[in-house]
Amino acid sequence: MPTLLVQNLPHGAIAVPAGTTLLAAIQAAGHDWLHACGARGRCTTCRLQIVSGLELLTPPTEPELRYRAAGRLLPTERLTCQTRMVSGQVVGRVPDATKLPHVTYAE
């Protein structure tokens, strides 16, 4: 099963079942994750900075491409509500701008 390792979150790799968005897998693992639009791809608050494994993710969705064109989503960032994994292990980080104040993050 594909896994997601968020470097600055505790508790190790997160299993990402086939067809599941990264956001759903993160939440199922018990992590609180910012997502202001209710996982509809209408904001960029759920973004994840990809450190490695970008090629293991599904292609960017229309909302992601729109945000990239507007300069609101970097090429190395993906919206967790829109993104699914194909295989392997993806490594990412919670960007500083979307960290929740009540969550303890590693450096």
C-alpha atoms as a PDB file:
ATOM      1  CA  MET A   1       0.000   0.000   0.000  1.00  0.00           C
ATOM      2  CA  PRO A   2       1.333   3.496  -0.802  1.00  0.00           C
ATOM      3  CA  THR A   3       2.456   5.594   2.143  1.00  0.00           C
ATOM      4  CA  LEU A   4       2.801   9.274   2.917  1.00  0.00           C
ATOM      5  CA  LEU A   5       5.485  10.474   5.299  1.00  0.00           C
ATOM      6  CA  VAL A   6       4.923  14.028   6.514  1.00  0.00           C
ATOM      7  CA  GLN A   7       8.323  14.960   7.916  1.00  0.00           C
ATOM      8  CA  ASN A   8       7.124  17.552  10.387  1.00  0.00           C
ATOM      9  CA  LEU A   9       4.216  15.506  11.796  1.00  0.00           C
ATOM     10  CA  PRO A  10       4.691  12.869  14.497  1.00  0.00           C
ATOM     11  CA  HIS A  11       3.812   9.159  14.275  1.00  0.00           C
ATOM     12  CA  GLY A  12       5.552   8.017  11.077  1.00  0.00           C
ATOM     13  CA  ALA A  13       4.215   7.060   7.670  1.00  0.00           C
ATOM     14  CA  ILE A  14       0.513   7.143   6.827  1.00  0.00           C
ATOM     15  CA  ALA A  15      -1.054   4.375   4.739  1.00  0.00           C
ATOM     16  CA  VAL A  16      -2.931   5.735   1.723  1.00  0.00           C
ATOM     17  CA  PRO A  17      -5.499   3.198   0.461  1.00  0.00           C
ATOM     18  CA  ALA A  18      -6.172   3.058  -3.285  1.00  0.00           C
ATOM     19  CA  GLY A  19      -8.551   5.783  -4.436  1.00  0.00           C
ATOM     20  CA  THR A  20      -8.253   7.748  -1.196  1.00  0.00           C
ATOM     21  CA  THR A  21      -7.209  11.387  -1.175  1.00  0.00           C
ATOM     22  CA  LEU A  22      -4.175  12.354   0.864  1.00  0.00           C
ATOM     23  CA  LEU A  23      -6.464  14.473   3.056  1.00  0.00           C
ATOM     24  CA  ALA A  24      -8.748  11.522   3.842  1.00  0.00           C
ATOM     25  CA  ALA A  25      -5.735   9.312   4.672  1.00  0.00           C
ATOM     26  CA  ILE A  26      -4.193  12.006   6.900  1.00  0.00           C
ATOM     27  CA  GLN A  27      -7.460  12.457   8.775  1.00  0.00           C
ATOM     28  CA  ALA A  28      -8.014   8.696   9.078  1.00  0.00           C
ATOM     29  CA  ALA A  29      -4.571   8.492  10.707  1.00  0.00           C
ATOM     30  CA  GLY A  30      -5.836  10.897  13.390  1.00  0.00           C
ATOM     31  CA  HIS A  31      -4.083  14.084  12.302  1.00  0.00           C
ATOM     32  CA  ASP A  32      -5.804  17.459  12.368  1.00  0.00           C
ATOM     33  CA  TRP A  33      -5.242  19.110   8.972  1.00  0.00           C
ATOM     34  CA  LEU A  34      -6.310  22.546   7.783  1.00  0.00           C
ATOM     35  CA  HIS A  35      -8.902  22.537   4.989  1.00  0.00           C
ATOM     36  CA  ALA A  36     -11.117  25.610   4.890  1.00  0.00           C
ATOM     37  CA  CYS A  37     -13.317  24.787   1.890  1.00  0.00           C
ATOM     38  CA  GLY A  38     -14.480  21.365   3.041  1.00  0.00           C
ATOM     39  CA  ALA A  39     -12.198  19.424   0.672  1.00  0.00           C
ATOM     40  CA  ARG A  40     -13.673  20.846  -2.533  1.00  0.00           C
ATOM     41  CA  GLY A  41     -10.484  22.276  -4.086  1.00  0.00           C
ATOM     42  CA  ARG A  42     -11.727  25.842  -3.636  1.00  0.00           C
ATOM     43  CA  CYS A  43      -8.840  27.087  -1.490  1.00  0.00           C
ATOM     44  CA  THR A  44      -5.208  26.216  -0.884  1.00  0.00           C
ATOM     45  CA  THR A  45      -5.287  25.675   2.870  1.00  0.00           C
ATOM     46  CA  CYS A  46      -4.821  21.893   2.652  1.00  0.00           C
ATOM     47  CA  ARG A  47      -1.652  22.100   0.590  1.00  0.00           C
ATOM     48  CA  LEU A  48       1.328  19.867   1.203  1.00  0.00           C
ATOM     49  CA  GLN A  49       4.887  20.656   0.155  1.00  0.00           C
ATOM     50  CA  ILE A  50       6.251  17.572  -1.628  1.00  0.00           C
ATOM     51  CA  VAL A  51       9.875  16.782  -0.752  1.00  0.00           C
ATOM     52  CA  SER A  52      10.127  13.588  -2.805  1.00  0.00           C
ATOM     53  CA  GLY A  53       7.848  11.315  -4.799  1.00  0.00           C
ATOM     54  CA  LEU A  54       5.944  13.961  -6.762  1.00  0.00           C
ATOM     55  CA  GLU A  55       5.875  11.549  -9.713  1.00  0.00           C
ATOM     56  CA  LEU A  56       4.022   8.972  -7.559  1.00  0.00           C
ATOM     57  CA  LEU A  57       0.954  11.202  -7.296  1.00  0.00           C
ATOM     58  CA  THR A  58      -1.989  11.544  -9.638  1.00  0.00           C
ATOM     59  CA  PRO A  59      -1.713  14.412 -12.151  1.00  0.00           C
ATOM     60  CA  PRO A  60      -2.705  17.878 -10.921  1.00  0.00           C
ATOM     61  CA  THR A  61      -6.442  18.534 -11.030  1.00  0.00           C
ATOM     62  CA  GLU A  62      -8.112  21.517 -12.670  1.00  0.00           C
ATOM     63  CA  PRO A  63      -8.315  23.457  -9.372  1.00  0.00           C
ATOM     64  CA  GLU A  64      -4.610  22.823  -8.730  1.00  0.00           C
ATOM     65  CA  LEU A  65      -3.674  24.006 -12.225  1.00  0.00           C
ATOM     66  CA  ARG A  66      -5.802  27.118 -11.743  1.00  0.00           C
ATOM     67  CA  TYR A  67      -4.055  27.936  -8.441  1.00  0.00           C
ATOM     68  CA  ARG A  68      -0.643  27.351 -10.006  1.00  0.00           C
ATOM     69  CA  ALA A  69      -1.475  29.711 -12.855  1.00  0.00           C
ATOM     70  CA  ALA A  70      -2.568  32.331 -10.292  1.00  0.00           C
ATOM     71  CA  GLY A  71       0.681  31.904  -8.317  1.00  0.00           C
ATOM     72  CA  ARG A  72      -1.099  30.490  -5.245  1.00  0.00           C
ATOM     73  CA  LEU A  73       0.287  26.935  -5.492  1.00  0.00           C
ATOM     74  CA  LEU A  74       3.939  26.127  -6.130  1.00  0.00           C
ATOM     75  CA  PRO A  75       4.922  23.350  -8.576  1.00  0.00           C
ATOM     76  CA  THR A  76       6.181  21.332  -5.564  1.00  0.00           C
ATOM     77  CA  GLU A  77       2.893  21.710  -3.669  1.00  0.00           C
ATOM     78  CA  ARG A  78      -0.289  19.686  -3.996  1.00  0.00           C
ATOM     79  CA  LEU A  79      -3.764  20.071  -2.528  1.00  0.00           C
ATOM     80  CA  THR A  80      -4.313  17.084  -0.247  1.00  0.00           C
ATOM     81  CA  CYS A  81      -8.060  17.149  -0.949  1.00  0.00           C
ATOM     82  CA  GLN A  82      -7.428  16.660  -4.681  1.00  0.00           C
ATOM     83  CA  THR A  83      -4.411  14.359  -4.717  1.00  0.00           C
ATOM     84  CA  ARG A  84      -4.226  10.580  -4.647  1.00  0.00           C
ATOM     85  CA  MET A  85      -1.192   8.295  -4.673  1.00  0.00           C
ATOM     86  CA  VAL A  86      -0.336   5.800  -7.371  1.00  0.00           C
ATOM     87  CA  SER A  87       2.381   3.822  -5.564  1.00  0.00           C
ATOM     88  CA  GLY A  88       5.467   3.960  -3.340  1.00  0.00           C
ATOM     89  CA  GLN A  89       6.224   6.465  -0.610  1.00  0.00           C
ATOM     90  CA  VAL A  90       5.766  10.207  -0.905  1.00  0.00           C
ATOM     91  CA  VAL A  91       7.561  12.499   1.533  1.00  0.00           C
ATOM     92  CA  GLY A  92       6.128  15.921   2.303  1.00  0.00           C
ATOM     93  CA  ARG A  93       6.022  18.762   4.812  1.00  0.00           C
ATOM     94  CA  VAL A  94       3.277  20.981   6.194  1.00  0.00           C
ATOM     95  CA  PRO A  95       4.100  24.496   4.920  1.00  0.00           C
ATOM     96  CA  ASP A  96       4.569  27.141   7.618  1.00  0.00           C
ATOM     97  CA  ALA A  97       1.612  29.143   6.296  1.00  0.00           C
ATOM     98  CA  THR A  98      -0.854  26.305   6.910  1.00  0.00           C
ATOM     99  CA  LYS A  99       0.337  24.986  10.257  1.00  0.00           C
ATOM    100  CA  LEU A 100      -2.354  24.805  12.915  1.00  0.00           C
ATOM    101  CA  PRO A 101      -1.579  26.608  16.185  1.00  0.00           C
ATOM    102  CA  HIS A 102      -2.595  23.691  18.413  1.00  0.00           C
ATOM    103  CA  VAL A 103      -0.480  21.052  16.619  1.00  0.00           C
ATOM    104  CA  THR A 104       3.128  20.408  17.590  1.00  0.00           C
ATOM    105  CA  TYR A 105       5.285  20.185  14.480  1.00  0.00           C
ATOM    106  CA  ALA A 106       8.865  18.938  14.195  1.00  0.00           C
ATOM    107  CA  GLU A 107      11.446  21.140  12.523  1.00  0.00           C
END
